[in-house]
Amino acid sequence: MDSQVKRIGLKINTLLCTGCRACELACSFYLSEYCDPAISRIEITRDNEKGEILCQLPLSCPVCSFEIEPPCVYSCGPAALTMKE
C-alpha cells in the first residue's frame, strides 16, 4: 500500500447513535453507487432485545480521505459519527 495515501480516522458517540445505518448506506453508495450495507466499511447492528447498538468502524479509512466531510459523516443525522481530530 502506498505510504503517501492520506487516511482519516472516524469516531462514534454511541450515546448519540440511533442505529439508523444511514452511514452504511452512504459509504456503500460512495464505493459502488449502490446502497448495499454489505460492502460498507462501517457496520452498525442493533440488538432490540437488549436495546444496544453495536458499531464497527475501520481504524482509518483511505477511501474518502480527500473529502472535506466524508459521506458517512455527512449522512449521520444525530451527528454521532465524526472525524477524529
PDB file of N, CA and C in Angstrom:
ATOM      1  N   MET A   1       0.845  -1.183   0.000  1.00  0.00           N
ATOM      2  CA  MET A   1       0.000   0.000   0.000  1.00  0.00           C
ATOM      3  C   MET A   1       0.881   1.234   0.000  1.00  0.00           C
ATOM      4  N   ASP A   2       0.464   2.241  -0.722  1.00  0.00           N
ATOM      5  CA  ASP A   2       1.198   3.487  -0.835  1.00  0.00           C
ATOM      6  C   ASP A   2       1.210   4.213   0.502  1.00  0.00           C
ATOM      7  N   SER A   3       2.418   4.518   0.992  1.00  0.00           N
ATOM      8  CA  SER A   3       2.527   5.186   2.291  1.00  0.00           C
ATOM      9  C   SER A   3       2.105   6.652   2.211  1.00  0.00           C
ATOM     10  N   GLN A   4       1.937   7.194   1.000  1.00  0.00           N
ATOM     11  CA  GLN A   4       1.545   8.587   0.834  1.00  0.00           C
ATOM     12  C   GLN A   4       0.028   8.787   0.884  1.00  0.00           C
ATOM     13  N   VAL A   5      -0.735   7.697   0.954  1.00  0.00           N
ATOM     14  CA  VAL A   5      -2.191   7.812   0.989  1.00  0.00           C
ATOM     15  C   VAL A   5      -2.622   8.402   2.322  1.00  0.00           C
ATOM     16  N   LYS A   6      -3.378   9.476   2.262  1.00  0.00           N
ATOM     17  CA  LYS A   6      -3.892  10.105   3.473  1.00  0.00           C
ATOM     18  C   LYS A   6      -5.038   9.255   4.022  1.00  0.00           C
ATOM     19  N   ARG A   7      -5.069   9.071   5.305  1.00  0.00           N
ATOM     20  CA  ARG A   7      -6.132   8.300   5.943  1.00  0.00           C
ATOM     21  C   ARG A   7      -6.873   9.202   6.924  1.00  0.00           C
ATOM     22  N   ILE A   8      -8.164   8.969   7.023  1.00  0.00           N
ATOM     23  CA  ILE A   8      -8.944   9.704   8.006  1.00  0.00           C
ATOM     24  C   ILE A   8      -9.359   8.743   9.107  1.00  0.00           C
ATOM     25  N   GLY A   9      -9.482   9.255  10.286  1.00  0.00           N
ATOM     26  CA  GLY A   9      -9.971   8.459  11.400  1.00  0.00           C
ATOM     27  C   GLY A   9     -11.415   8.833  11.693  1.00  0.00           C
ATOM     28  N   LEU A  10     -12.174   7.847  12.110  1.00  0.00           N
ATOM     29  CA  LEU A  10     -13.574   8.075  12.443  1.00  0.00           C
ATOM     30  C   LEU A  10     -13.806   7.734  13.902  1.00  0.00           C
ATOM     31  N   LYS A  11     -14.736   8.430  14.515  1.00  0.00           N
ATOM     32  CA  LYS A  11     -15.130   8.074  15.880  1.00  0.00           C
ATOM     33  C   LYS A  11     -16.643   8.188  15.976  1.00  0.00           C
ATOM     34  N   ILE A  12     -17.193   7.412  16.876  1.00  0.00           N
ATOM     35  CA  ILE A  12     -18.647   7.413  17.031  1.00  0.00           C
ATOM     36  C   ILE A  12     -19.006   7.617  18.493  1.00  0.00           C
ATOM     37  N   ASN A  13     -20.003   8.437  18.713  1.00  0.00           N
ATOM     38  CA  ASN A  13     -20.545   8.636  20.049  1.00  0.00           C
ATOM     39  C   ASN A  13     -21.745   7.695  20.150  1.00  0.00           C
ATOM     40  N   THR A  14     -21.565   6.595  20.856  1.00  0.00           N
ATOM     41  CA  THR A  14     -22.615   5.582  20.935  1.00  0.00           C
ATOM     42  C   THR A  14     -23.850   6.074  21.681  1.00  0.00           C
ATOM     43  N   LEU A  15     -23.716   7.132  22.455  1.00  0.00           N
ATOM     44  CA  LEU A  15     -24.882   7.694  23.139  1.00  0.00           C
ATOM     45  C   LEU A  15     -25.787   8.455  22.165  1.00  0.00           C
ATOM     46  N   LEU A  16     -25.214   8.947  21.072  1.00  0.00           N
ATOM     47  CA  LEU A  16     -25.990   9.677  20.074  1.00  0.00           C
ATOM     48  C   LEU A  16     -26.478   8.791  18.933  1.00  0.00           C
ATOM     49  N   CYS A  17     -25.798   7.676  18.690  1.00  0.00           N
ATOM     50  CA  CYS A  17     -26.142   6.805  17.563  1.00  0.00           C
ATOM     51  C   CYS A  17     -27.512   6.165  17.775  1.00  0.00           C
ATOM     52  N   THR A  18     -28.373   6.299  16.759  1.00  0.00           N
ATOM     53  CA  THR A  18     -29.714   5.718  16.827  1.00  0.00           C
ATOM     54  C   THR A  18     -29.797   4.370  16.114  1.00  0.00           C
ATOM     55  N   GLY A  19     -28.726   3.985  15.436  1.00  0.00           N
ATOM     56  CA  GLY A  19     -28.715   2.725  14.704  1.00  0.00           C
ATOM     57  C   GLY A  19     -29.450   2.798  13.384  1.00  0.00           C
ATOM     58  N   CYS A  20     -29.596   3.975  12.810  1.00  0.00           N
ATOM     59  CA  CYS A  20     -30.356   4.140  11.563  1.00  0.00           C
ATOM     60  C   CYS A  20     -29.636   3.566  10.347  1.00  0.00           C
ATOM     61  N   ARG A  21     -28.339   3.419  10.431  1.00  0.00           N
ATOM     62  CA  ARG A  21     -27.487   2.824   9.396  1.00  0.00           C
ATOM     63  C   ARG A  21     -27.340   3.696   8.150  1.00  0.00           C
ATOM     64  N   ALA A  22     -27.676   4.980   8.257  1.00  0.00           N
ATOM     65  CA  ALA A  22     -27.500   5.893   7.122  1.00  0.00           C
ATOM     66  C   ALA A  22     -26.027   5.989   6.723  1.00  0.00           C
ATOM     67  N   CYS A  23     -25.129   5.895   7.679  1.00  0.00           N
ATOM     68  CA  CYS A  23     -23.692   5.947   7.384  1.00  0.00           C
ATOM     69  C   CYS A  23     -23.274   4.760   6.515  1.00  0.00           C
ATOM     70  N   GLU A  24     -23.832   3.580   6.794  1.00  0.00           N
ATOM     71  CA  GLU A  24     -23.535   2.390   5.985  1.00  0.00           C
ATOM     72  C   GLU A  24     -23.997   2.590   4.541  1.00  0.00           C
ATOM     73  N   LEU A  25     -25.202   3.111   4.385  1.00  0.00           N
ATOM     74  CA  LEU A  25     -25.737   3.327   3.036  1.00  0.00           C
ATOM     75  C   LEU A  25     -24.916   4.366   2.272  1.00  0.00           C
ATOM     76  N   ALA A  26     -24.550   5.444   2.944  1.00  0.00           N
ATOM     77  CA  ALA A  26     -23.751   6.489   2.295  1.00  0.00           C
ATOM     78  C   ALA A  26     -22.382   5.943   1.895  1.00  0.00           C
ATOM     79  N   CYS A  27     -21.767   5.163   2.750  1.00  0.00           N
ATOM     80  CA  CYS A  27     -20.461   4.577   2.455  1.00  0.00           C
ATOM     81  C   CYS A  27     -20.556   3.633   1.263  1.00  0.00           C
ATOM     82  N   SER A  28     -21.526   2.753   1.281  1.00  0.00           N
ATOM     83  CA  SER A  28     -21.651   1.789   0.184  1.00  0.00           C
ATOM     84  C   SER A  28     -21.982   2.477  -1.139  1.00  0.00           C
ATOM     85  N   PHE A  29     -22.808   3.507  -1.093  1.00  0.00           N
ATOM     86  CA  PHE A  29     -23.132   4.233  -2.320  1.00  0.00           C
ATOM     87  C   PHE A  29     -21.906   4.949  -2.864  1.00  0.00           C
ATOM     88  N   TYR A  30     -21.109   5.520  -1.975  1.00  0.00           N
ATOM     89  CA  TYR A  30     -19.886   6.202  -2.390  1.00  0.00           C
ATOM     90  C   TYR A  30     -18.913   5.220  -3.041  1.00  0.00           C
ATOM     91  N   LEU A  31     -18.836   4.003  -2.483  1.00  0.00           N
ATOM     92  CA  LEU A  31     -17.916   2.994  -3.007  1.00  0.00           C
ATOM     93  C   LEU A  31     -18.368   2.401  -4.336  1.00  0.00           C
ATOM     94  N   SER A  32     -19.677   2.212  -4.502  1.00  0.00           N
ATOM     95  CA  SER A  32     -20.139   1.427  -5.645  1.00  0.00           C
ATOM     96  C   SER A  32     -21.328   2.005  -6.410  1.00  0.00           C
ATOM     97  N   GLU A  33     -21.890   3.097  -5.946  1.00  0.00           N
ATOM     98  CA  GLU A  33     -23.112   3.679  -6.490  1.00  0.00           C
ATOM     99  C   GLU A  33     -24.333   2.775  -6.286  1.00  0.00           C
ATOM    100  N   TYR A  34     -24.251   1.889  -5.304  1.00  0.00           N
ATOM    101  CA  TYR A  34     -25.374   1.056  -4.864  1.00  0.00           C
ATOM    102  C   TYR A  34     -25.489   1.179  -3.358  1.00  0.00           C
ATOM    103  N   CYS A  35     -26.699   1.186  -2.855  1.00  0.00           N
ATOM    104  CA  CYS A  35     -26.911   1.198  -1.402  1.00  0.00           C
ATOM    105  C   CYS A  35     -26.961  -0.249  -0.921  1.00  0.00           C
ATOM    106  N   ASP A  36     -25.803  -0.770  -0.578  1.00  0.00           N
ATOM    107  CA  ASP A  36     -25.670  -2.149  -0.139  1.00  0.00           C
ATOM    108  C   ASP A  36     -24.787  -2.181   1.104  1.00  0.00           C
ATOM    109  N   PRO A  37     -25.381  -2.218   2.297  1.00  0.00           N
ATOM    110  CA  PRO A  37     -24.595  -2.200   3.525  1.00  0.00           C
ATOM    111  C   PRO A  37     -23.544  -3.306   3.618  1.00  0.00           C
ATOM    112  N   ALA A  38     -23.703  -4.370   2.857  1.00  0.00           N
ATOM    113  CA  ALA A  38     -22.732  -5.465   2.895  1.00  0.00           C
ATOM    114  C   ALA A  38     -21.349  -5.033   2.405  1.00  0.00           C
ATOM    115  N   ILE A  39     -21.272  -3.973   1.605  1.00  0.00           N
ATOM    116  CA  ILE A  39     -19.966  -3.525   1.116  1.00  0.00           C
ATOM    117  C   ILE A  39     -19.457  -2.277   1.844  1.00  0.00           C
ATOM    118  N   SER A  40     -20.198  -1.804   2.800  1.00  0.00           N
ATOM    119  CA  SER A  40     -19.801  -0.632   3.581  1.00  0.00           C
ATOM    120  C   SER A  40     -18.600  -0.965   4.461  1.00  0.00           C
ATOM    121  N   ARG A  41     -17.739   0.021   4.688  1.00  0.00           N
ATOM    122  CA  ARG A  41     -16.607  -0.157   5.609  1.00  0.00           C
ATOM    123  C   ARG A  41     -17.056   0.024   7.059  1.00  0.00           C
ATOM    124  N   ILE A  42     -18.288   0.471   7.255  1.00  0.00           N
ATOM    125  CA  ILE A  42     -18.868   0.661   8.576  1.00  0.00           C
ATOM    126  C   ILE A  42     -19.940  -0.401   8.774  1.00  0.00           C
ATOM    127  N   GLU A  43     -20.032  -0.935   9.982  1.00  0.00           N
ATOM    128  CA  GLU A  43     -21.080  -1.914  10.264  1.00  0.00           C
ATOM    129  C   GLU A  43     -21.812  -1.525  11.546  1.00  0.00           C
ATOM    130  N   ILE A  44     -23.117  -1.328  11.424  1.00  0.00           N
ATOM    131  CA  ILE A  44     -23.958  -0.985  12.566  1.00  0.00           C
ATOM    132  C   ILE A  44     -24.956  -2.129  12.757  1.00  0.00           C
ATOM    133  N   THR A  45     -25.030  -2.650  13.971  1.00  0.00           N
ATOM    134  CA  THR A  45     -26.008  -3.698  14.266  1.00  0.00           C
ATOM    135  C   THR A  45     -26.800  -3.295  15.501  1.00  0.00           C
ATOM    136  N   ARG A  46     -28.044  -3.729  15.521  1.00  0.00           N
ATOM    137  CA  ARG A  46     -28.929  -3.405  16.642  1.00  0.00           C
ATOM    138  C   ARG A  46     -29.366  -4.693  17.321  1.00  0.00           C
ATOM    139  N   ASP A  47     -29.351  -4.665  18.621  1.00  0.00           N
ATOM    140  CA  ASP A  47     -29.916  -5.753  19.422  1.00  0.00           C
ATOM    141  C   ASP A  47     -31.133  -5.159  20.119  1.00  0.00           C
ATOM    142  N   ASN A  48     -32.297  -5.349  19.508  1.00  0.00           N
ATOM    143  CA  ASN A  48     -33.516  -4.732  20.025  1.00  0.00           C
ATOM    144  C   ASN A  48     -33.935  -5.302  21.374  1.00  0.00           C
ATOM    145  N   GLU A  49     -33.570  -6.541  21.653  1.00  0.00           N
ATOM    146  CA  GLU A  49     -33.932  -7.133  22.948  1.00  0.00           C
ATOM    147  C   GLU A  49     -33.163  -6.480  24.088  1.00  0.00           C
ATOM    148  N   LYS A  50     -31.881  -6.208  23.861  1.00  0.00           N
ATOM    149  CA  LYS A  50     -31.050  -5.584  24.894  1.00  0.00           C
ATOM    150  C   LYS A  50     -31.036  -4.063  24.786  1.00  0.00           C
ATOM    151  N   GLY A  51     -31.528  -3.548  23.661  1.00  0.00           N
ATOM    152  CA  GLY A  51     -31.513  -2.102  23.459  1.00  0.00           C
ATOM    153  C   GLY A  51     -30.128  -1.560  23.165  1.00  0.00           C
ATOM    154  N   GLU A  52     -29.277  -2.398  22.573  1.00  0.00           N
ATOM    155  CA  GLU A  52     -27.899  -1.992  22.297  1.00  0.00           C
ATOM    156  C   GLU A  52     -27.681  -1.768  20.810  1.00  0.00           C
ATOM    157  N   ILE A  53     -26.807  -0.830  20.508  1.00  0.00           N
ATOM    158  CA  ILE A  53     -26.358  -0.583  19.146  1.00  0.00           C
ATOM    159  C   ILE A  53     -24.862  -0.824  19.134  1.00  0.00           C
ATOM    160  N   LEU A  54     -24.425  -1.689  18.238  1.00  0.00           N
ATOM    161  CA  LEU A  54     -23.011  -2.021  18.120  1.00  0.00           C
ATOM    162  C   LEU A  54     -22.474  -1.422  16.836  1.00  0.00           C
ATOM    163  N   CYS A  55     -21.323  -0.775  16.931  1.00  0.00           N
ATOM    164  CA  CYS A  55     -20.731  -0.083  15.790  1.00  0.00           C
ATOM    165  C   CYS A  55     -19.321  -0.595  15.559  1.00  0.00           C
ATOM    166  N   GLN A  56     -19.048  -0.983  14.333  1.00  0.00           N
ATOM    167  CA  GLN A  56     -17.698  -1.366  13.950  1.00  0.00           C
ATOM    168  C   GLN A  56     -17.227  -0.393  12.880  1.00  0.00           C
ATOM    169  N   LEU A  57     -16.194   0.346  13.208  1.00  0.00           N
ATOM    170  CA  LEU A  57     -15.630   1.329  12.293  1.00  0.00           C
ATOM    171  C   LEU A  57     -14.213   0.912  11.949  1.00  0.00           C
ATOM    172  N   PRO A  58     -13.748   1.235  10.743  1.00  0.00           N
ATOM    173  CA  PRO A  58     -12.337   0.994  10.446  1.00  0.00           C
ATOM    174  C   PRO A  58     -11.488   1.942  11.289  1.00  0.00           C
ATOM    175  N   LEU A  59     -10.297   1.494  11.677  1.00  0.00           N
ATOM    176  CA  LEU A  59      -9.407   2.372  12.441  1.00  0.00           C
ATOM    177  C   LEU A  59      -9.036   3.603  11.622  1.00  0.00           C
ATOM    178  N   SER A  60      -8.840   3.398  10.352  1.00  0.00           N
ATOM    179  CA  SER A  60      -8.609   4.518   9.450  1.00  0.00           C
ATOM    180  C   SER A  60      -9.154   4.139   8.088  1.00  0.00           C
ATOM    181  N   CYS A  61      -9.517   5.139   7.317  1.00  0.00           N
ATOM    182  CA  CYS A  61     -10.146   4.889   6.024  1.00  0.00           C
ATOM    183  C   CYS A  61      -9.501   5.777   4.965  1.00  0.00           C
ATOM    184  N   PRO A  62      -8.836   5.183   3.977  1.00  0.00           N
ATOM    185  CA  PRO A  62      -8.237   5.980   2.913  1.00  0.00           C
ATOM    186  C   PRO A  62      -9.208   6.288   1.778  1.00  0.00           C
ATOM    187  N   VAL A  63     -10.392   5.699   1.792  1.00  0.00           N
ATOM    188  CA  VAL A  63     -11.317   5.795   0.664  1.00  0.00           C
ATOM    189  C   VAL A  63     -11.776   7.232   0.422  1.00  0.00           C
ATOM    190  N   CYS A  64     -12.181   7.931   1.436  1.00  0.00           N
ATOM    191  CA  CYS A  64     -12.737   9.287   1.291  1.00  0.00           C
ATOM    192  C   CYS A  64     -11.791  10.351   1.836  1.00  0.00           C
ATOM    193  N   SER A  65     -10.523  10.057   1.862  1.00  0.00           N
ATOM    194  CA  SER A  65      -9.574  10.944   2.544  1.00  0.00           C
ATOM    195  C   SER A  65      -9.493  12.339   1.945  1.00  0.00           C
ATOM    196  N   PHE A  66      -9.865  12.500   0.691  1.00  0.00           N
ATOM    197  CA  PHE A  66      -9.792  13.819   0.061  1.00  0.00           C
ATOM    198  C   PHE A  66     -11.070  14.625   0.241  1.00  0.00           C
ATOM    199  N   GLU A  67     -12.074  14.026   0.825  1.00  0.00           N
ATOM    200  CA  GLU A  67     -13.336  14.728   1.063  1.00  0.00           C
ATOM    201  C   GLU A  67     -13.212  15.615   2.309  1.00  0.00           C
ATOM    202  N   ILE A  68     -13.785  16.799   2.257  1.00  0.00           N
ATOM    203  CA  ILE A  68     -13.797  17.670   3.437  1.00  0.00           C
ATOM    204  C   ILE A  68     -14.603  17.003   4.547  1.00  0.00           C
ATOM    205  N   GLU A  69     -15.751  16.465   4.176  1.00  0.00           N
ATOM    206  CA  GLU A  69     -16.592  15.715   5.110  1.00  0.00           C
ATOM    207  C   GLU A  69     -17.006  14.425   4.402  1.00  0.00           C
ATOM    208  N   PRO A  70     -16.526  13.278   4.849  1.00  0.00           N
ATOM    209  CA  PRO A  70     -16.870  12.019   4.193  1.00  0.00           C
ATOM    210  C   PRO A  70     -18.379  11.782   4.181  1.00  0.00           C
ATOM    211  N   PRO A  71     -18.882  11.063   3.183  1.00  0.00           N
ATOM    212  CA  PRO A  71     -20.316  10.812   3.079  1.00  0.00           C
ATOM    213  C   PRO A  71     -20.912  10.168   4.335  1.00  0.00           C
ATOM    214  N   CYS A  72     -20.170   9.283   4.974  1.00  0.00           N
ATOM    215  CA  CYS A  72     -20.697   8.630   6.174  1.00  0.00           C
ATOM    216  C   CYS A  72     -20.937   9.637   7.290  1.00  0.00           C
ATOM    217  N   VAL A  73     -20.028  10.566   7.458  1.00  0.00           N
ATOM    218  CA  VAL A  73     -20.156  11.597   8.492  1.00  0.00           C
ATOM    219  C   VAL A  73     -21.279  12.568   8.123  1.00  0.00           C
ATOM    220  N   TYR A  74     -21.312  12.979   6.865  1.00  0.00           N
ATOM    221  CA  TYR A  74     -22.335  13.916   6.388  1.00  0.00           C
ATOM    222  C   TYR A  74     -23.746  13.359   6.555  1.00  0.00           C
ATOM    223  N   SER A  75     -23.902  12.060   6.352  1.00  0.00           N
ATOM    224  CA  SER A  75     -25.241  11.455   6.383  1.00  0.00           C
ATOM    225  C   SER A  75     -25.739  11.151   7.790  1.00  0.00           C
ATOM    226  N   CYS A  76     -24.899  11.303   8.791  1.00  0.00           N
ATOM    227  CA  CYS A  76     -25.279  10.963  10.174  1.00  0.00           C
ATOM    228  C   CYS A  76     -26.142  12.076  10.757  1.00  0.00           C
ATOM    229  N   GLY A  77     -27.445  11.846  10.799  1.00  0.00           N
ATOM    230  CA  GLY A  77     -28.399  12.847  11.288  1.00  0.00           C
ATOM    231  C   GLY A  77     -28.151  13.306  12.712  1.00  0.00           C
ATOM    232  N   PRO A  78     -27.963  12.386  13.661  1.00  0.00           N
ATOM    233  CA  PRO A  78     -27.760  12.818  15.034  1.00  0.00           C
ATOM    234  C   PRO A  78     -26.312  13.254  15.338  1.00  0.00           C
ATOM    235  N   ALA A  79     -25.463  13.314  14.331  1.00  0.00           N
ATOM    236  CA  ALA A  79     -24.046  13.723  14.465  1.00  0.00           C
ATOM    237  C   ALA A  79     -23.283  12.803  15.417  1.00  0.00           C
ATOM    238  N   ALA A  80     -23.602  11.534  15.402  1.00  0.00           N
ATOM    239  CA  ALA A  80     -22.890  10.571  16.249  1.00  0.00           C
ATOM    240  C   ALA A  80     -21.549  10.187  15.634  1.00  0.00           C
ATOM    241  N   LEU A  81     -21.437  10.231  14.317  1.00  0.00           N
ATOM    242  CA  LEU A  81     -20.219   9.862  13.614  1.00  0.00           C
ATOM    243  C   LEU A  81     -19.468  11.126  13.224  1.00  0.00           C
ATOM    244  N   THR A  82     -18.214  11.208  13.632  1.00  0.00           N
ATOM    245  CA  THR A  82     -17.399  12.375  13.344  1.00  0.00           C
ATOM    246  C   THR A  82     -15.999  11.925  12.937  1.00  0.00           C
ATOM    247  N   MET A  83     -15.235  12.879  12.423  1.00  0.00           N
ATOM    248  CA  MET A  83     -13.843  12.620  12.086  1.00  0.00           C
ATOM    249  C   MET A  83     -12.997  12.876  13.317  1.00  0.00           C
ATOM    250  N   LYS A  84     -11.968  12.050  13.499  1.00  0.00           N
ATOM    251  CA  LYS A  84     -11.030  12.268  14.612  1.00  0.00           C
ATOM    252  C   LYS A  84     -10.191  13.490  14.319  1.00  0.00           C
ATOM    253  N   GLU A  85      -9.906  14.225  15.341  1.00  0.00           N
ATOM    254  CA  GLU A  85      -9.055  15.424  15.198  1.00  0.00           C
ATOM    255  C   GLU A  85      -7.627  15.024  15.032  1.00  0.00           C
TER     256      GLU A  85
END
